[in-house]
Amino acid sequence: MSLTEENRQRLLQLARDSIEHGLQTGRPLPVRLRDFPPELTEPRATFVTLEKNNRLRGCIGMLEAVRPLAQDIAENAFSAAFRDPRFPPLEATELPELSIHLSILSPAEEMTFSSQEDLLAQLRPGIDGLIMQEGHRRGTFLPTVWESLPTPEQFLSHLKQKAGLPPDYWSDTLKVFRYTTELIE
C-alpha cells in the first residue's frame, strides 16, 4: 500500500511535531486519530530513523503492527529522539540539523531455505529487510542497511552479529523473515 504524497508529508510533519513536543514536555505528541484519514489510522509497523549531518542519531521502531500508523510514527519519532540507548537524548539545538526518515513495513513473511547458500541466493539487495531469530535472539536490518552492507554475505553476517550470534553461525533452527518498506524522507 503506497501512501499519497500529501499523507507522506503529513507523517513527516507528525514525526517532527512529536519530537518538538517531546523537547517541550518530555512526552510524545498525543495523536487524535479522528484528525487523520483512514489510511493513516490502519495498524502498521514503522521505524523512525534520525540523522544529523548524514550520521545516525537515533532509530526506533516496531516489527509488528500493534498501533495505528499515525500513532506509531509519533511514538517512534519521540523514542528515536529521546530513548535510543545508543545516543544521549536529543537537544533543541540539534533540531535544525535533523533529517527524519520513516520506514513503513510490510507484514513479515517467513522464508524457507535449505542452507545458508540457498538463503543468500534468495535475498534481494536494496529491497529486503530481514528479521533473524534463533531462540530468544533476534535482530533486524531495514532495507536501507544495504547501502552500507551491499552484498548478501555482508548483510547476513552483520545481521547475525546484531542478533548476538557469531558472523559464521548456522543452524537448522534459524528463522528468517523478509519484509519490504515504503521509505518516506
Protein backbone atom coordinates (compact mmCIF):
# COMPACT_ATOMS: atom_id res chain seq x y z
CA MET A 1 0.00 0.00 0.00
CA SER A 2 1.60 3.22 -1.16
CA LEU A 3 0.58 6.44 0.55
CA THR A 4 -0.37 9.64 -1.23
CA GLU A 5 2.26 12.38 -1.31
CA GLU A 6 0.03 14.51 0.93
CA ASN A 7 -0.14 11.77 3.57
CA ARG A 8 3.60 11.08 3.28
CA GLN A 9 4.29 14.75 4.06
CA ARG A 10 1.73 14.67 6.85
CA LEU A 11 3.55 11.76 8.52
CA LEU A 12 6.92 13.51 8.24
CA GLN A 13 5.43 16.61 9.86
CA LEU A 14 3.83 14.46 12.56
CA ALA A 15 7.23 12.93 13.37
CA ARG A 16 8.86 16.38 13.61
CA ASP A 17 5.95 17.70 15.70
CA SER A 18 6.25 14.77 18.10
CA ILE A 19 9.98 15.45 18.57
CA GLU A 20 9.31 19.16 19.17
CA HIS A 21 6.54 18.28 21.62
CA GLY A 22 8.99 15.94 23.36
CA LEU A 23 11.53 18.72 23.71
CA GLN A 24 8.87 20.90 25.40
CA THR A 25 7.05 18.30 27.52
CA GLY A 26 9.19 15.16 27.76
CA ARG A 27 6.36 13.14 26.18
CA PRO A 28 5.37 12.09 22.63
CA LEU A 29 2.73 14.14 20.84
CA PRO A 30 -0.77 12.81 21.64
CA VAL A 31 -2.43 11.69 18.40
CA ARG A 32 -6.13 12.27 17.82
CA LEU A 33 -6.90 9.58 15.27
CA ARG A 34 -10.14 11.25 14.18
CA ASP A 35 -7.97 14.05 12.71
CA PHE A 36 -6.36 11.64 10.24
CA PRO A 37 -7.67 9.92 7.09
CA PRO A 38 -8.38 6.18 7.30
CA GLU A 39 -5.13 5.11 5.56
CA LEU A 40 -3.16 6.75 8.39
CA THR A 41 -5.15 5.05 11.14
CA GLU A 42 -4.73 1.44 10.00
CA PRO A 43 -2.35 -0.63 12.13
CA ARG A 44 1.14 -0.56 10.58
CA ALA A 45 4.65 -1.30 11.81
CA THR A 46 7.12 1.56 11.39
CA PHE A 47 10.67 2.64 12.10
CA VAL A 48 11.76 6.25 12.51
CA THR A 49 15.40 6.96 11.71
CA LEU A 50 17.00 10.28 12.65
CA GLU A 51 20.20 11.54 11.07
CA LYS A 52 22.31 14.57 11.87
CA ASN A 53 24.95 15.59 9.31
CA ASN A 54 24.33 12.29 7.46
CA ARG A 55 25.15 10.27 10.60
CA LEU A 56 22.74 8.10 12.56
CA ARG A 57 21.29 10.00 15.54
CA GLY A 58 18.56 7.55 16.56
CA CYS A 59 16.41 4.74 15.20
CA ILE A 60 13.47 3.09 16.91
CA GLY A 61 10.62 1.04 15.54
CA MET A 62 8.25 -1.89 15.73
CA LEU A 63 8.38 -5.11 13.71
CA GLU A 64 4.69 -5.89 14.19
CA ALA A 65 1.70 -3.65 13.53
CA VAL A 66 0.32 -3.02 17.02
CA ARG A 67 -0.77 0.64 16.75
CA PRO A 68 -2.45 2.86 14.19
CA LEU A 69 0.09 4.23 11.68
CA ALA A 70 -0.08 7.88 12.79
CA GLN A 71 0.29 6.93 16.46
CA ASP A 72 3.19 4.55 15.70
CA ILE A 73 5.03 7.35 13.85
CA ALA A 74 4.51 9.83 16.72
CA GLU A 75 5.65 7.32 19.37
CA ASN A 76 8.65 6.06 17.39
CA ALA A 77 9.81 9.58 16.46
CA PHE A 78 9.78 10.53 20.14
CA SER A 79 11.58 7.31 21.10
CA ALA A 80 14.22 7.71 18.35
CA ALA A 81 14.96 11.22 19.62
CA PHE A 82 14.93 10.56 23.36
CA ARG A 83 15.04 6.81 24.12
CA ASP A 84 17.56 5.22 21.74
CA PRO A 85 20.08 3.79 24.25
CA ARG A 86 22.96 4.33 21.79
CA PHE A 87 22.62 8.13 21.98
CA PRO A 88 22.01 10.87 24.55
CA PRO A 89 18.54 12.46 24.40
CA LEU A 90 18.16 14.96 21.57
CA GLU A 91 18.69 18.62 22.45
CA ALA A 92 16.76 21.53 20.95
CA THR A 93 19.92 22.89 19.29
CA GLU A 94 20.11 19.72 17.16
CA LEU A 95 16.63 20.03 15.67
CA PRO A 96 17.51 22.28 12.70
CA GLU A 97 20.18 19.80 11.55
CA LEU A 98 17.96 16.73 11.96
CA SER A 99 16.71 14.75 8.98
CA ILE A 100 13.85 12.33 9.54
CA HIS A 101 13.33 9.11 7.60
CA LEU A 102 10.21 6.98 8.02
CA SER A 103 10.03 3.31 7.07
CA ILE A 104 6.59 1.71 6.87
CA LEU A 105 6.97 -2.05 6.95
CA SER A 106 5.01 -4.65 5.02
CA PRO A 107 3.95 -7.68 7.05
CA ALA A 108 6.94 -10.00 7.50
CA GLU A 109 6.89 -13.35 5.69
CA GLU A 110 8.89 -16.35 6.88
CA MET A 111 11.45 -17.52 4.33
CA THR A 112 12.12 -21.18 3.57
CA PHE A 113 15.65 -22.27 2.71
CA SER A 114 17.74 -25.42 2.91
CA SER A 115 21.16 -23.88 3.57
CA GLN A 116 22.94 -20.58 4.04
CA GLU A 117 23.76 -20.58 0.31
CA ASP A 118 20.06 -21.07 -0.51
CA LEU A 119 19.13 -18.18 1.80
CA LEU A 120 21.81 -15.90 0.31
CA ALA A 121 20.57 -16.67 -3.22
CA GLN A 122 17.03 -15.59 -2.26
CA LEU A 123 17.99 -12.20 -0.81
CA ARG A 124 17.10 -9.10 -2.82
CA PRO A 125 19.70 -6.38 -2.10
CA GLY A 126 18.17 -2.96 -1.61
CA ILE A 127 14.65 -4.43 -1.35
CA ASP A 128 14.54 -6.87 1.55
CA GLY A 129 14.52 -6.05 5.21
CA LEU A 130 15.26 -9.13 7.31
CA ILE A 131 14.39 -10.35 10.78
CA MET A 132 16.64 -13.13 12.04
CA GLN A 133 15.61 -15.24 15.00
CA GLU A 134 17.38 -18.02 16.85
CA GLY A 135 15.76 -18.95 20.14
CA HIS A 136 15.39 -15.75 22.15
CA ARG A 137 17.94 -13.87 20.00
CA ARG A 138 16.52 -11.60 17.33
CA GLY A 139 17.76 -8.80 15.11
CA THR A 140 16.56 -6.84 12.10
CA PHE A 141 18.04 -4.73 9.33
CA LEU A 142 15.89 -2.34 7.32
CA PRO A 143 16.36 -2.38 3.52
CA THR A 144 18.33 0.90 3.80
CA VAL A 145 21.17 -1.04 5.51
CA TRP A 146 22.04 -2.49 2.07
CA GLU A 147 23.61 0.91 1.32
CA SER A 148 26.40 0.21 3.81
CA LEU A 149 26.41 -3.63 3.54
CA PRO A 150 25.82 -4.16 -0.19
CA THR A 151 26.44 -7.90 -0.59
CA PRO A 152 24.13 -10.62 0.74
CA GLU A 153 27.09 -12.18 2.57
CA GLN A 154 27.94 -8.92 4.39
CA PHE A 155 24.29 -8.17 5.15
CA LEU A 156 23.66 -11.62 6.62
CA SER A 157 26.87 -11.87 8.69
CA HIS A 158 26.33 -8.42 10.23
CA LEU A 159 22.68 -9.25 10.94
CA LYS A 160 23.81 -12.38 12.78
CA GLN A 161 26.09 -10.23 14.93
CA LYS A 162 23.27 -7.77 15.63
CA ALA A 163 21.17 -10.73 16.80
CA GLY A 164 24.00 -11.74 19.17
CA LEU A 165 25.25 -14.64 17.05
CA PRO A 166 28.72 -15.24 15.57
CA PRO A 167 29.04 -13.98 11.96
CA ASP A 168 29.58 -17.53 10.66
CA TYR A 169 26.72 -19.04 12.71
CA TRP A 170 24.40 -21.52 11.05
CA SER A 171 21.68 -23.80 12.39
CA ASP A 172 18.71 -25.70 11.01
CA THR A 173 16.52 -23.92 13.59
CA LEU A 174 17.44 -20.41 12.37
CA LYS A 175 14.38 -18.46 11.24
CA VAL A 176 14.49 -15.57 8.79
CA PHE A 177 11.58 -13.33 7.85
CA ARG A 178 11.53 -10.93 4.92
CA TYR A 179 9.70 -7.58 4.63
CA THR A 180 9.81 -4.51 2.44
CA THR A 181 9.39 -0.88 3.39
CA GLU A 182 7.88 2.25 2.00
CA LEU A 183 10.53 4.90 2.69
CA ILE A 184 9.44 8.47 3.36
CA GLU A 185 12.11 11.17 3.51
